């Protein structure tokens, strides 16, 4: 991750989104979205990686409604750090169609965690970009400490991490004692020196443990827009852990608010041509993971 502050671009109007090329099943879930609010109400971290995005709850609901996606999981963005108020207010407003993934400080009380659960938070997001320079042993200790915090609540942990950190954690993953989600298909960029062999090792480690994959952020992996080259990876994931795959649009696609969320959803029609398998990814799997 660079130190450059990215300029967030205006949000694309929901009416201009590409329409689904397949029948979106009832109860479909976008398992990775972010929500932002007014700067005078929700303070950002001191040095955010991007300017305030154009992406409030109403805009999200219009976009997903246009695509026939009924449920969503709001993931706490790094923009707000461990101040979850914007996400929590959005969960309260959205109701039972929404779940949350929070980021918290190590010293947050158990009572405060239970309050997050009451407001429909069901996971912790572990920012391993922020900790990417730590030795693997310290990362493992942080992960296991986080797992112990969430186990009484039945939550999972979600890894927000560069691919080379995931690669170094592969030996650790099968032994983790709660469900964990790997964002962005592993985020194994060739430009960071990651290979298909690394991906295959990750796939085995996830399958051997309690891991899940999230089909999300294809534009972060195929920066040239050639999503076709991701098809073998997506299909390998679905073949390996068909009951532990979810999909996320990564809305509002920071910093490119004008990106077409419909186009991203339609990748599933190519990656997962079987309707029953798509239903698992869009409905059954997220319903089980998030407790819909």
C-alpha atoms as a PDB file:
ATOM      1  CA  UNK A   1       0.000   0.000   0.000  1.00  0.00           C
ATOM      2  CA  UNK A   2       1.403   3.416  -0.993  1.00  0.00           C
ATOM      3  CA  UNK A   3       1.554   6.590   1.102  1.00  0.00           C
ATOM      4  CA  UNK A   4      -0.177   8.538  -1.680  1.00  0.00           C
ATOM      5  CA  UNK A   5      -3.613   9.928  -0.771  1.00  0.00           C
ATOM      6  CA  UNK A   6      -6.035   8.849  -3.494  1.00  0.00           C
ATOM      7  CA  UNK A   7      -8.814  11.168  -4.631  1.00  0.00           C
ATOM      8  CA  UNK A   8     -12.200   9.453  -4.398  1.00  0.00           C
ATOM      9  CA  UNK A   9     -14.321  10.017  -7.485  1.00  0.00           C
ATOM     10  CA  UNK A  10     -18.108  10.645  -7.638  1.00  0.00           C
ATOM     11  CA  UNK A  11     -20.479   7.705  -7.366  1.00  0.00           C
ATOM     12  CA  UNK A  12     -22.021   6.230 -10.486  1.00  0.00           C
ATOM     13  CA  UNK A  13     -25.800   6.626 -10.700  1.00  0.00           C
ATOM     14  CA  UNK A  14     -27.591   3.351  -9.955  1.00  0.00           C
ATOM     15  CA  UNK A  15     -29.750   3.686 -13.075  1.00  0.00           C
ATOM     16  CA  UNK A  16     -26.656   3.351 -15.273  1.00  0.00           C
ATOM     17  CA  UNK A  17     -25.450   0.032 -13.827  1.00  0.00           C
ATOM     18  CA  UNK A  18     -25.302  -3.009 -16.097  1.00  0.00           C
ATOM     19  CA  UNK A  19     -28.220  -5.302 -15.382  1.00  0.00           C
ATOM     20  CA  UNK A  20     -27.623  -8.898 -14.270  1.00  0.00           C
ATOM     21  CA  UNK A  21     -27.043 -11.387 -17.070  1.00  0.00           C
ATOM     22  CA  UNK A  22     -28.319 -14.233 -14.885  1.00  0.00           C
ATOM     23  CA  UNK A  23     -31.264 -14.584 -12.523  1.00  0.00           C
ATOM     24  CA  UNK A  24     -30.176 -13.213  -9.163  1.00  0.00           C
ATOM     25  CA  UNK A  25     -31.670 -15.519  -6.503  1.00  0.00           C
ATOM     26  CA  UNK A  26     -33.839 -14.196  -3.693  1.00  0.00           C
ATOM     27  CA  UNK A  27     -31.780 -13.435  -0.610  1.00  0.00           C
ATOM     28  CA  UNK A  28     -28.591 -12.690  -2.543  1.00  0.00           C
ATOM     29  CA  UNK A  29     -25.913 -10.997  -0.428  1.00  0.00           C
ATOM     30  CA  UNK A  30     -23.115  -8.586  -1.256  1.00  0.00           C
ATOM     31  CA  UNK A  31     -20.685  -9.596   1.475  1.00  0.00           C
ATOM     32  CA  UNK A  32     -18.249  -6.693   1.126  1.00  0.00           C
ATOM     33  CA  UNK A  33     -19.397  -3.086   0.987  1.00  0.00           C
ATOM     34  CA  UNK A  34     -18.316   0.091   2.765  1.00  0.00           C
ATOM     35  CA  UNK A  35     -20.484   3.023   3.830  1.00  0.00           C
ATOM     36  CA  UNK A  36     -19.406   6.614   4.436  1.00  0.00           C
ATOM     37  CA  UNK A  37     -21.104   9.607   5.994  1.00  0.00           C
ATOM     38  CA  UNK A  38     -20.718  13.368   6.410  1.00  0.00           C
ATOM     39  CA  UNK A  39     -17.279  14.549   7.541  1.00  0.00           C
ATOM     40  CA  UNK A  40     -18.782  16.697  10.288  1.00  0.00           C
ATOM     41  CA  UNK A  41     -20.464  13.649  11.846  1.00  0.00           C
ATOM     42  CA  UNK A  42     -17.917  10.858  11.367  1.00  0.00           C
ATOM     43  CA  UNK A  43     -14.257  11.853  11.845  1.00  0.00           C
ATOM     44  CA  UNK A  44     -11.642  10.093   9.731  1.00  0.00           C
ATOM     45  CA  UNK A  45      -8.276   8.774  10.852  1.00  0.00           C
ATOM     46  CA  UNK A  46      -5.376  11.219  10.855  1.00  0.00           C
ATOM     47  CA  UNK A  47      -3.767  10.044   7.617  1.00  0.00           C
ATOM     48  CA  UNK A  48      -6.310   8.210   5.459  1.00  0.00           C
ATOM     49  CA  UNK A  49      -5.226   6.536   2.230  1.00  0.00           C
ATOM     50  CA  UNK A  50      -8.002   8.289   0.274  1.00  0.00           C
ATOM     51  CA  UNK A  51     -10.308  11.288   0.464  1.00  0.00           C
ATOM     52  CA  UNK A  52     -13.879  10.889   1.765  1.00  0.00           C
ATOM     53  CA  UNK A  53     -15.691   8.651  -0.746  1.00  0.00           C
ATOM     54  CA  UNK A  54     -19.090   9.444  -2.219  1.00  0.00           C
ATOM     55  CA  UNK A  55     -20.915   6.395  -0.859  1.00  0.00           C
ATOM     56  CA  UNK A  56     -23.695   6.644   1.717  1.00  0.00           C
ATOM     57  CA  UNK A  57     -26.258   4.039   2.735  1.00  0.00           C
ATOM     58  CA  UNK A  58     -28.968   5.379   0.448  1.00  0.00           C
ATOM     59  CA  UNK A  59     -26.687   5.188  -2.573  1.00  0.00           C
ATOM     60  CA  UNK A  60     -25.697   1.639  -1.648  1.00  0.00           C
ATOM     61  CA  UNK A  61     -29.308   0.531  -1.285  1.00  0.00           C
ATOM     62  CA  UNK A  62     -30.228   2.017  -4.660  1.00  0.00           C
ATOM     63  CA  UNK A  63     -27.300   0.298  -6.368  1.00  0.00           C
ATOM     64  CA  UNK A  64     -27.961  -3.124  -4.850  1.00  0.00           C
ATOM     65  CA  UNK A  65     -31.716  -2.754  -5.349  1.00  0.00           C
ATOM     66  CA  UNK A  66     -31.126  -2.146  -9.048  1.00  0.00           C
ATOM     67  CA  UNK A  67     -29.189  -5.422  -9.202  1.00  0.00           C
ATOM     68  CA  UNK A  68     -31.676  -7.451  -7.139  1.00  0.00           C
ATOM     69  CA  UNK A  69     -29.252  -7.966  -4.241  1.00  0.00           C
ATOM     70  CA  UNK A  70     -31.263  -7.952  -1.010  1.00  0.00           C
ATOM     71  CA  UNK A  71     -28.645  -8.366   1.724  1.00  0.00           C
ATOM     72  CA  UNK A  72     -25.221  -6.910   2.443  1.00  0.00           C
ATOM     73  CA  UNK A  73     -22.359  -6.902   4.925  1.00  0.00           C
ATOM     74  CA  UNK A  74     -20.857  -3.505   5.750  1.00  0.00           C
ATOM     75  CA  UNK A  75     -17.116  -3.791   6.322  1.00  0.00           C
ATOM     76  CA  UNK A  76     -15.467  -1.147   8.487  1.00  0.00           C
ATOM     77  CA  UNK A  77     -13.114   0.865   6.217  1.00  0.00           C
ATOM     78  CA  UNK A  78      -9.605   1.918   7.204  1.00  0.00           C
ATOM     79  CA  UNK A  79     -10.806   5.529   6.654  1.00  0.00           C
ATOM     80  CA  UNK A  80     -12.504   5.407  10.078  1.00  0.00           C
ATOM     81  CA  UNK A  81     -10.050   3.104  11.843  1.00  0.00           C
ATOM     82  CA  UNK A  82     -11.631   1.577  14.948  1.00  0.00           C
ATOM     83  CA  UNK A  83     -14.376   4.217  15.188  1.00  0.00           C
ATOM     84  CA  UNK A  84     -17.305   2.098  13.999  1.00  0.00           C
ATOM     85  CA  UNK A  85     -20.060   4.693  14.432  1.00  0.00           C
ATOM     86  CA  UNK A  86     -20.761   5.243  10.736  1.00  0.00           C
ATOM     87  CA  UNK A  87     -21.049   1.511  10.089  1.00  0.00           C
ATOM     88  CA  UNK A  88     -23.199   0.954  13.184  1.00  0.00           C
ATOM     89  CA  UNK A  89     -25.580   3.785  12.323  1.00  0.00           C
ATOM     90  CA  UNK A  90     -25.962   2.326   8.835  1.00  0.00           C
ATOM     91  CA  UNK A  91     -26.718  -1.113  10.311  1.00  0.00           C
ATOM     92  CA  UNK A  92     -29.377   0.397  12.561  1.00  0.00           C
ATOM     93  CA  UNK A  93     -30.978   2.185   9.614  1.00  0.00           C
ATOM     94  CA  UNK A  94     -30.812  -0.796   7.242  1.00  0.00           C
ATOM     95  CA  UNK A  95     -32.283  -3.349   9.630  1.00  0.00           C
ATOM     96  CA  UNK A  96     -32.090  -7.129   9.397  1.00  0.00           C
ATOM     97  CA  UNK A  97     -30.937  -7.215   5.752  1.00  0.00           C
ATOM     98  CA  UNK A  98     -27.511  -5.976   6.895  1.00  0.00           C
ATOM     99  CA  UNK A  99     -24.610  -7.280   8.968  1.00  0.00           C
ATOM    100  CA  UNK A 100     -21.371  -5.615  10.042  1.00  0.00           C
ATOM    101  CA  UNK A 101     -17.652  -6.371  10.164  1.00  0.00           C
ATOM    102  CA  UNK A 102     -15.934  -4.162  12.746  1.00  0.00           C
ATOM    103  CA  UNK A 103     -12.395  -3.098  13.535  1.00  0.00           C
ATOM    104  CA  UNK A 104     -11.675  -2.667  17.240  1.00  0.00           C
ATOM    105  CA  UNK A 105      -8.892  -1.735  19.610  1.00  0.00           C
ATOM    106  CA  UNK A 106      -7.244  -4.537  21.568  1.00  0.00           C
ATOM    107  CA  UNK A 107      -8.523  -3.142  24.865  1.00  0.00           C
ATOM    108  CA  UNK A 108     -12.206  -2.961  23.865  1.00  0.00           C
ATOM    109  CA  UNK A 109     -14.275  -4.461  26.669  1.00  0.00           C
ATOM    110  CA  UNK A 110     -16.280  -7.657  26.360  1.00  0.00           C
ATOM    111  CA  UNK A 111     -19.394  -5.626  27.131  1.00  0.00           C
ATOM    112  CA  UNK A 112     -18.657  -3.328  24.183  1.00  0.00           C
ATOM    113  CA  UNK A 113     -18.178  -6.348  21.928  1.00  0.00           C
ATOM    114  CA  UNK A 114     -21.564  -7.686  23.015  1.00  0.00           C
ATOM    115  CA  UNK A 115     -23.098  -4.320  22.139  1.00  0.00           C
ATOM    116  CA  UNK A 116     -21.594  -4.582  18.654  1.00  0.00           C
ATOM    117  CA  UNK A 117     -23.174  -8.025  18.364  1.00  0.00           C
ATOM    118  CA  UNK A 118     -26.555  -6.622  19.402  1.00  0.00           C
ATOM    119  CA  UNK A 119     -26.257  -4.116  16.560  1.00  0.00           C
ATOM    120  CA  UNK A 120     -25.663  -6.946  14.044  1.00  0.00           C
ATOM    121  CA  UNK A 121     -21.868  -7.030  13.856  1.00  0.00           C
ATOM    122  CA  UNK A 122     -20.750 -10.606  13.169  1.00  0.00           C
ATOM    123  CA  UNK A 123     -17.010 -10.399  12.475  1.00  0.00           C
ATOM    124  CA  UNK A 124     -13.730  -8.622  13.151  1.00  0.00           C
ATOM    125  CA  UNK A 125     -11.696  -7.189  10.307  1.00  0.00           C
ATOM    126  CA  UNK A 126      -7.993  -7.714  10.971  1.00  0.00           C
ATOM    127  CA  UNK A 127      -5.930  -5.024   9.241  1.00  0.00           C
ATOM    128  CA  UNK A 128      -2.731  -6.857   8.358  1.00  0.00           C
ATOM    129  CA  UNK A 129      -1.706  -4.135   5.906  1.00  0.00           C
ATOM    130  CA  UNK A 130      -1.208  -1.969   8.985  1.00  0.00           C
ATOM    131  CA  UNK A 131       0.832  -4.750  10.615  1.00  0.00           C
ATOM    132  CA  UNK A 132       2.559  -6.106   7.514  1.00  0.00           C
ATOM    133  CA  UNK A 133       6.063  -5.365   8.818  1.00  0.00           C
ATOM    134  CA  UNK A 134       5.601  -7.460  11.956  1.00  0.00           C
ATOM    135  CA  UNK A 135       7.281 -10.877  12.200  1.00  0.00           C
ATOM    136  CA  UNK A 136       4.993 -13.790  11.366  1.00  0.00           C
ATOM    137  CA  UNK A 137       5.057 -14.946  14.993  1.00  0.00           C
ATOM    138  CA  UNK A 138       3.675 -11.588  16.156  1.00  0.00           C
ATOM    139  CA  UNK A 139       1.009 -11.640  13.445  1.00  0.00           C
ATOM    140  CA  UNK A 140      -0.004 -15.124  14.539  1.00  0.00           C
ATOM    141  CA  UNK A 141      -0.273 -13.970  18.152  1.00  0.00           C
ATOM    142  CA  UNK A 142      -2.451 -11.015  17.099  1.00  0.00           C
ATOM    143  CA  UNK A 143      -4.730 -13.276  15.038  1.00  0.00           C
ATOM    144  CA  UNK A 144      -5.096 -15.866  17.789  1.00  0.00           C
ATOM    145  CA  UNK A 145      -5.737 -13.161  20.396  1.00  0.00           C
ATOM    146  CA  UNK A 146      -8.474 -11.724  18.170  1.00  0.00           C
ATOM    147  CA  UNK A 147     -10.015 -15.158  17.693  1.00  0.00           C
ATOM    148  CA  UNK A 148     -10.196 -15.708  21.443  1.00  0.00           C
ATOM    149  CA  UNK A 149     -12.084 -12.419  21.766  1.00  0.00           C
ATOM    150  CA  UNK A 150     -14.760 -13.316  19.209  1.00  0.00           C
ATOM    151  CA  UNK A 151     -15.260 -17.020  19.875  1.00  0.00           C
ATOM    152  CA  UNK A 152     -17.843 -16.491  22.651  1.00  0.00           C
ATOM    153  CA  UNK A 153     -19.924 -14.448  20.197  1.00  0.00           C
ATOM    154  CA  UNK A 154     -19.682 -16.957  17.344  1.00  0.00           C
ATOM    155  CA  UNK A 155     -18.026 -14.388  15.062  1.00  0.00           C
ATOM    156  CA  UNK A 156     -15.507 -14.986  12.312  1.00  0.00           C
ATOM    157  CA  UNK A 157     -12.393 -12.965  11.483  1.00  0.00           C
ATOM    158  CA  UNK A 158     -11.738 -11.345   8.134  1.00  0.00           C
ATOM    159  CA  UNK A 159      -8.232 -10.827   6.792  1.00  0.00           C
ATOM    160  CA  UNK A 160      -7.510  -7.504   5.113  1.00  0.00           C
ATOM    161  CA  UNK A 161      -4.003  -8.298   4.027  1.00  0.00           C
ATOM    162  CA  UNK A 162      -1.465  -8.162   1.217  1.00  0.00           C
ATOM    163  CA  UNK A 163      -0.922 -11.457  -0.567  1.00  0.00           C
ATOM    164  CA  UNK A 164       2.658 -11.865   0.587  1.00  0.00           C
ATOM    165  CA  UNK A 165       1.507 -11.732   4.212  1.00  0.00           C
ATOM    166  CA  UNK A 166      -1.124 -14.383   3.435  1.00  0.00           C
ATOM    167  CA  UNK A 167       1.603 -16.511   1.874  1.00  0.00           C
ATOM    168  CA  UNK A 168       3.726 -16.268   5.028  1.00  0.00           C
ATOM    169  CA  UNK A 169       0.707 -17.232   7.165  1.00  0.00           C
ATOM    170  CA  UNK A 170      -0.160 -20.359   5.154  1.00  0.00           C
ATOM    171  CA  UNK A 171       1.343 -22.767   7.731  1.00  0.00           C
ATOM    172  CA  UNK A 172      -0.757 -21.098  10.453  1.00  0.00           C
ATOM    173  CA  UNK A 173      -4.158 -21.095   8.735  1.00  0.00           C
ATOM    174  CA  UNK A 174      -5.273 -24.736   9.106  1.00  0.00           C
ATOM    175  CA  UNK A 175      -4.931 -24.561  12.898  1.00  0.00           C
ATOM    176  CA  UNK A 176      -7.037 -21.405  13.457  1.00  0.00           C
ATOM    177  CA  UNK A 177      -9.929 -22.200  15.765  1.00  0.00           C
ATOM    178  CA  UNK A 178     -12.700 -20.152  14.190  1.00  0.00           C
ATOM    179  CA  UNK A 179     -13.970 -19.364  10.711  1.00  0.00           C
ATOM    180  CA  UNK A 180     -11.771 -16.913   8.831  1.00  0.00           C
ATOM    181  CA  UNK A 181     -12.330 -15.144   5.521  1.00  0.00           C
ATOM    182  CA  UNK A 182      -9.608 -14.318   2.996  1.00  0.00           C
ATOM    183  CA  UNK A 183     -10.554 -11.139   1.136  1.00  0.00           C
ATOM    184  CA  UNK A 184     -10.053 -10.454  -2.552  1.00  0.00           C
ATOM    185  CA  UNK A 185      -9.329 -14.077  -3.534  1.00  0.00           C
ATOM    186  CA  UNK A 186      -6.066 -13.977  -1.597  1.00  0.00           C
ATOM    187  CA  UNK A 187      -4.778 -10.678  -3.053  1.00  0.00           C
ATOM    188  CA  UNK A 188      -1.796 -12.526  -4.510  1.00  0.00           C
ATOM    189  CA  UNK A 189      -0.407  -9.980  -6.951  1.00  0.00           C
ATOM    190  CA  UNK A 190       2.234 -11.058  -9.445  1.00  0.00           C
ATOM    191  CA  UNK A 191       3.823  -7.639  -8.977  1.00  0.00           C
ATOM    192  CA  UNK A 192       4.447  -8.580  -5.327  1.00  0.00           C
ATOM    193  CA  UNK A 193       6.228 -11.764  -6.411  1.00  0.00           C
ATOM    194  CA  UNK A 194       3.315 -14.154  -5.758  1.00  0.00           C
ATOM    195  CA  UNK A 195       2.819 -17.182  -8.011  1.00  0.00           C
ATOM    196  CA  UNK A 196       0.111 -19.702  -8.907  1.00  0.00           C
ATOM    197  CA  UNK A 197       1.985 -22.190  -6.728  1.00  0.00           C
ATOM    198  CA  UNK A 198       1.550 -19.825  -3.765  1.00  0.00           C
ATOM    199  CA  UNK A 199      -2.161 -19.578  -4.540  1.00  0.00           C
ATOM    200  CA  UNK A 200      -2.514 -23.356  -4.705  1.00  0.00           C
ATOM    201  CA  UNK A 201      -0.812 -23.705  -1.326  1.00  0.00           C
ATOM    202  CA  UNK A 202      -3.217 -21.118   0.103  1.00  0.00           C
ATOM    203  CA  UNK A 203      -6.148 -22.988  -1.377  1.00  0.00           C
ATOM    204  CA  UNK A 204      -5.091 -26.201   0.360  1.00  0.00           C
ATOM    205  CA  UNK A 205      -4.547 -24.427   3.688  1.00  0.00           C
ATOM    206  CA  UNK A 206      -7.999 -22.823   3.557  1.00  0.00           C
ATOM    207  CA  UNK A 207      -9.638 -26.114   2.605  1.00  0.00           C
ATOM    208  CA  UNK A 208      -7.826 -27.996   5.379  1.00  0.00           C
ATOM    209  CA  UNK A 209      -8.964 -25.553   8.058  1.00  0.00           C
ATOM    210  CA  UNK A 210     -11.976 -23.331   8.687  1.00  0.00           C
ATOM    211  CA  UNK A 211     -11.214 -20.855   5.941  1.00  0.00           C
ATOM    212  CA  UNK A 212     -13.485 -19.059   3.504  1.00  0.00           C
ATOM    213  CA  UNK A 213     -12.691 -17.169   0.309  1.00  0.00           C
ATOM    214  CA  UNK A 214     -14.318 -13.963  -0.826  1.00  0.00           C
ATOM    215  CA  UNK A 215     -14.679 -13.401  -4.574  1.00  0.00           C
ATOM    216  CA  UNK A 216     -14.125  -9.649  -4.451  1.00  0.00           C
ATOM    217  CA  UNK A 217     -11.916  -6.849  -5.709  1.00  0.00           C
ATOM    218  CA  UNK A 218     -11.130  -8.266  -9.175  1.00  0.00           C
ATOM    219  CA  UNK A 219      -9.914  -4.843 -10.306  1.00  0.00           C
ATOM    220  CA  UNK A 220      -7.351  -4.940  -7.502  1.00  0.00           C
ATOM    221  CA  UNK A 221      -5.963  -8.214  -8.906  1.00  0.00           C
ATOM    222  CA  UNK A 222      -6.372  -7.577 -12.636  1.00  0.00           C
ATOM    223  CA  UNK A 223      -5.376  -3.938 -12.714  1.00  0.00           C
ATOM    224  CA  UNK A 224      -5.468  -3.981 -16.525  1.00  0.00           C
ATOM    225  CA  UNK A 225      -9.174  -4.901 -16.502  1.00  0.00           C
ATOM    226  CA  UNK A 226      -8.530  -8.368 -17.927  1.00  0.00           C
ATOM    227  CA  UNK A 227     -10.870 -10.232 -15.581  1.00  0.00           C
ATOM    228  CA  UNK A 228     -10.800 -13.331 -17.783  1.00  0.00           C
ATOM    229  CA  UNK A 229      -7.428 -14.278 -16.329  1.00  0.00           C
ATOM    230  CA  UNK A 230      -9.050 -14.518 -12.882  1.00  0.00           C
ATOM    231  CA  UNK A 231     -11.544 -17.149 -14.035  1.00  0.00           C
ATOM    232  CA  UNK A 232      -9.234 -20.135 -13.310  1.00  0.00           C
ATOM    233  CA  UNK A 233      -8.585 -18.820  -9.798  1.00  0.00           C
ATOM    234  CA  UNK A 234     -12.292 -18.263  -9.084  1.00  0.00           C
ATOM    235  CA  UNK A 235     -13.191 -21.702 -10.375  1.00  0.00           C
ATOM    236  CA  UNK A 236     -10.411 -23.341  -8.358  1.00  0.00           C
ATOM    237  CA  UNK A 237     -11.769 -21.653  -5.230  1.00  0.00           C
ATOM    238  CA  UNK A 238     -15.347 -22.791  -5.886  1.00  0.00           C
ATOM    239  CA  UNK A 239     -14.188 -26.333  -6.665  1.00  0.00           C
ATOM    240  CA  UNK A 240     -12.085 -26.534  -3.490  1.00  0.00           C
ATOM    241  CA  UNK A 241     -14.505 -25.055  -0.931  1.00  0.00           C
ATOM    242  CA  UNK A 242     -17.955 -24.707  -2.565  1.00  0.00           C
ATOM    243  CA  UNK A 243     -19.675 -24.238   0.814  1.00  0.00           C
ATOM    244  CA  UNK A 244     -17.188 -21.601   1.998  1.00  0.00           C
ATOM    245  CA  UNK A 245     -17.189 -19.008  -0.788  1.00  0.00           C
ATOM    246  CA  UNK A 246     -18.938 -15.631  -0.716  1.00  0.00           C
ATOM    247  CA  UNK A 247     -19.075 -12.692  -3.124  1.00  0.00           C
ATOM    248  CA  UNK A 248     -18.478  -9.002  -2.488  1.00  0.00           C
ATOM    249  CA  UNK A 249     -18.609  -6.012  -4.815  1.00  0.00           C
ATOM    250  CA  UNK A 250     -16.223  -3.870  -2.719  1.00  0.00           C
ATOM    251  CA  UNK A 251     -18.665  -0.963  -3.267  1.00  0.00           C
ATOM    252  CA  UNK A 252     -18.008   2.023  -3.554  1.00  0.00           C
ATOM    253  CA  UNK A 253     -14.879   0.777  -5.329  1.00  0.00           C
ATOM    254  CA  UNK A 254     -12.493   3.247  -3.739  1.00  0.00           C
ATOM    255  CA  UNK A 255     -11.274   5.473  -5.314  1.00  0.00           C
ATOM    256  CA  UNK A 256     -13.197   4.746  -8.552  1.00  0.00           C
ATOM    257  CA  UNK A 257     -16.781   5.570  -7.573  1.00  0.00           C
ATOM    258  CA  UNK A 258     -17.793   5.451 -11.227  1.00  0.00           C
ATOM    259  CA  UNK A 259     -17.035   1.742 -11.551  1.00  0.00           C
ATOM    260  CA  UNK A 260     -19.946  -0.452 -12.700  1.00  0.00           C
ATOM    261  CA  UNK A 261     -21.067  -2.711  -9.852  1.00  0.00           C
ATOM    262  CA  UNK A 262     -23.334  -4.591 -12.257  1.00  0.00           C
ATOM    263  CA  UNK A 263     -20.358  -5.561 -14.388  1.00  0.00           C
ATOM    264  CA  UNK A 264     -18.668  -7.010 -11.295  1.00  0.00           C
ATOM    265  CA  UNK A 265     -21.742  -9.032 -10.334  1.00  0.00           C
ATOM    266  CA  UNK A 266     -21.958 -10.384 -13.875  1.00  0.00           C
ATOM    267  CA  UNK A 267     -18.488 -11.902 -13.553  1.00  0.00           C
ATOM    268  CA  UNK A 268     -20.177 -14.623 -11.505  1.00  0.00           C
ATOM    269  CA  UNK A 269     -22.140 -15.681 -14.571  1.00  0.00           C
ATOM    270  CA  UNK A 270     -18.836 -16.430 -16.305  1.00  0.00           C
ATOM    271  CA  UNK A 271     -16.888 -17.717 -13.312  1.00  0.00           C
ATOM    272  CA  UNK A 272     -19.720 -19.884 -11.913  1.00  0.00           C
ATOM    273  CA  UNK A 273     -22.003 -20.918 -14.808  1.00  0.00           C
ATOM    274  CA  UNK A 274     -23.968 -23.404 -12.688  1.00  0.00           C
ATOM    275  CA  UNK A 275     -26.991 -21.671 -11.098  1.00  0.00           C
ATOM    276  CA  UNK A 276     -27.028 -23.937  -8.025  1.00  0.00           C
ATOM    277  CA  UNK A 277     -23.372 -23.186  -7.305  1.00  0.00           C
ATOM    278  CA  UNK A 278     -24.003 -19.449  -7.746  1.00  0.00           C
ATOM    279  CA  UNK A 279     -26.875 -19.674  -5.284  1.00  0.00           C
ATOM    280  CA  UNK A 280     -24.508 -21.118  -2.685  1.00  0.00           C
ATOM    281  CA  UNK A 281     -22.094 -18.219  -3.163  1.00  0.00           C
ATOM    282  CA  UNK A 282     -24.757 -15.510  -3.202  1.00  0.00           C
ATOM    283  CA  UNK A 283     -27.347 -16.840  -0.736  1.00  0.00           C
ATOM    284  CA  UNK A 284     -26.673 -20.012   1.252  1.00  0.00           C
ATOM    285  CA  UNK A 285     -23.037 -19.453   2.247  1.00  0.00           C
ATOM    286  CA  UNK A 286     -23.345 -15.821   3.406  1.00  0.00           C
ATOM    287  CA  UNK A 287     -26.600 -16.627   5.211  1.00  0.00           C
ATOM    288  CA  UNK A 288     -24.741 -19.230   7.256  1.00  0.00           C
ATOM    289  CA  UNK A 289     -21.636 -17.119   7.846  1.00  0.00           C
ATOM    290  CA  UNK A 290     -23.439 -13.912   8.859  1.00  0.00           C
ATOM    291  CA  UNK A 291     -26.532 -15.435  10.434  1.00  0.00           C
ATOM    292  CA  UNK A 292     -29.177 -14.030   8.097  1.00  0.00           C
END
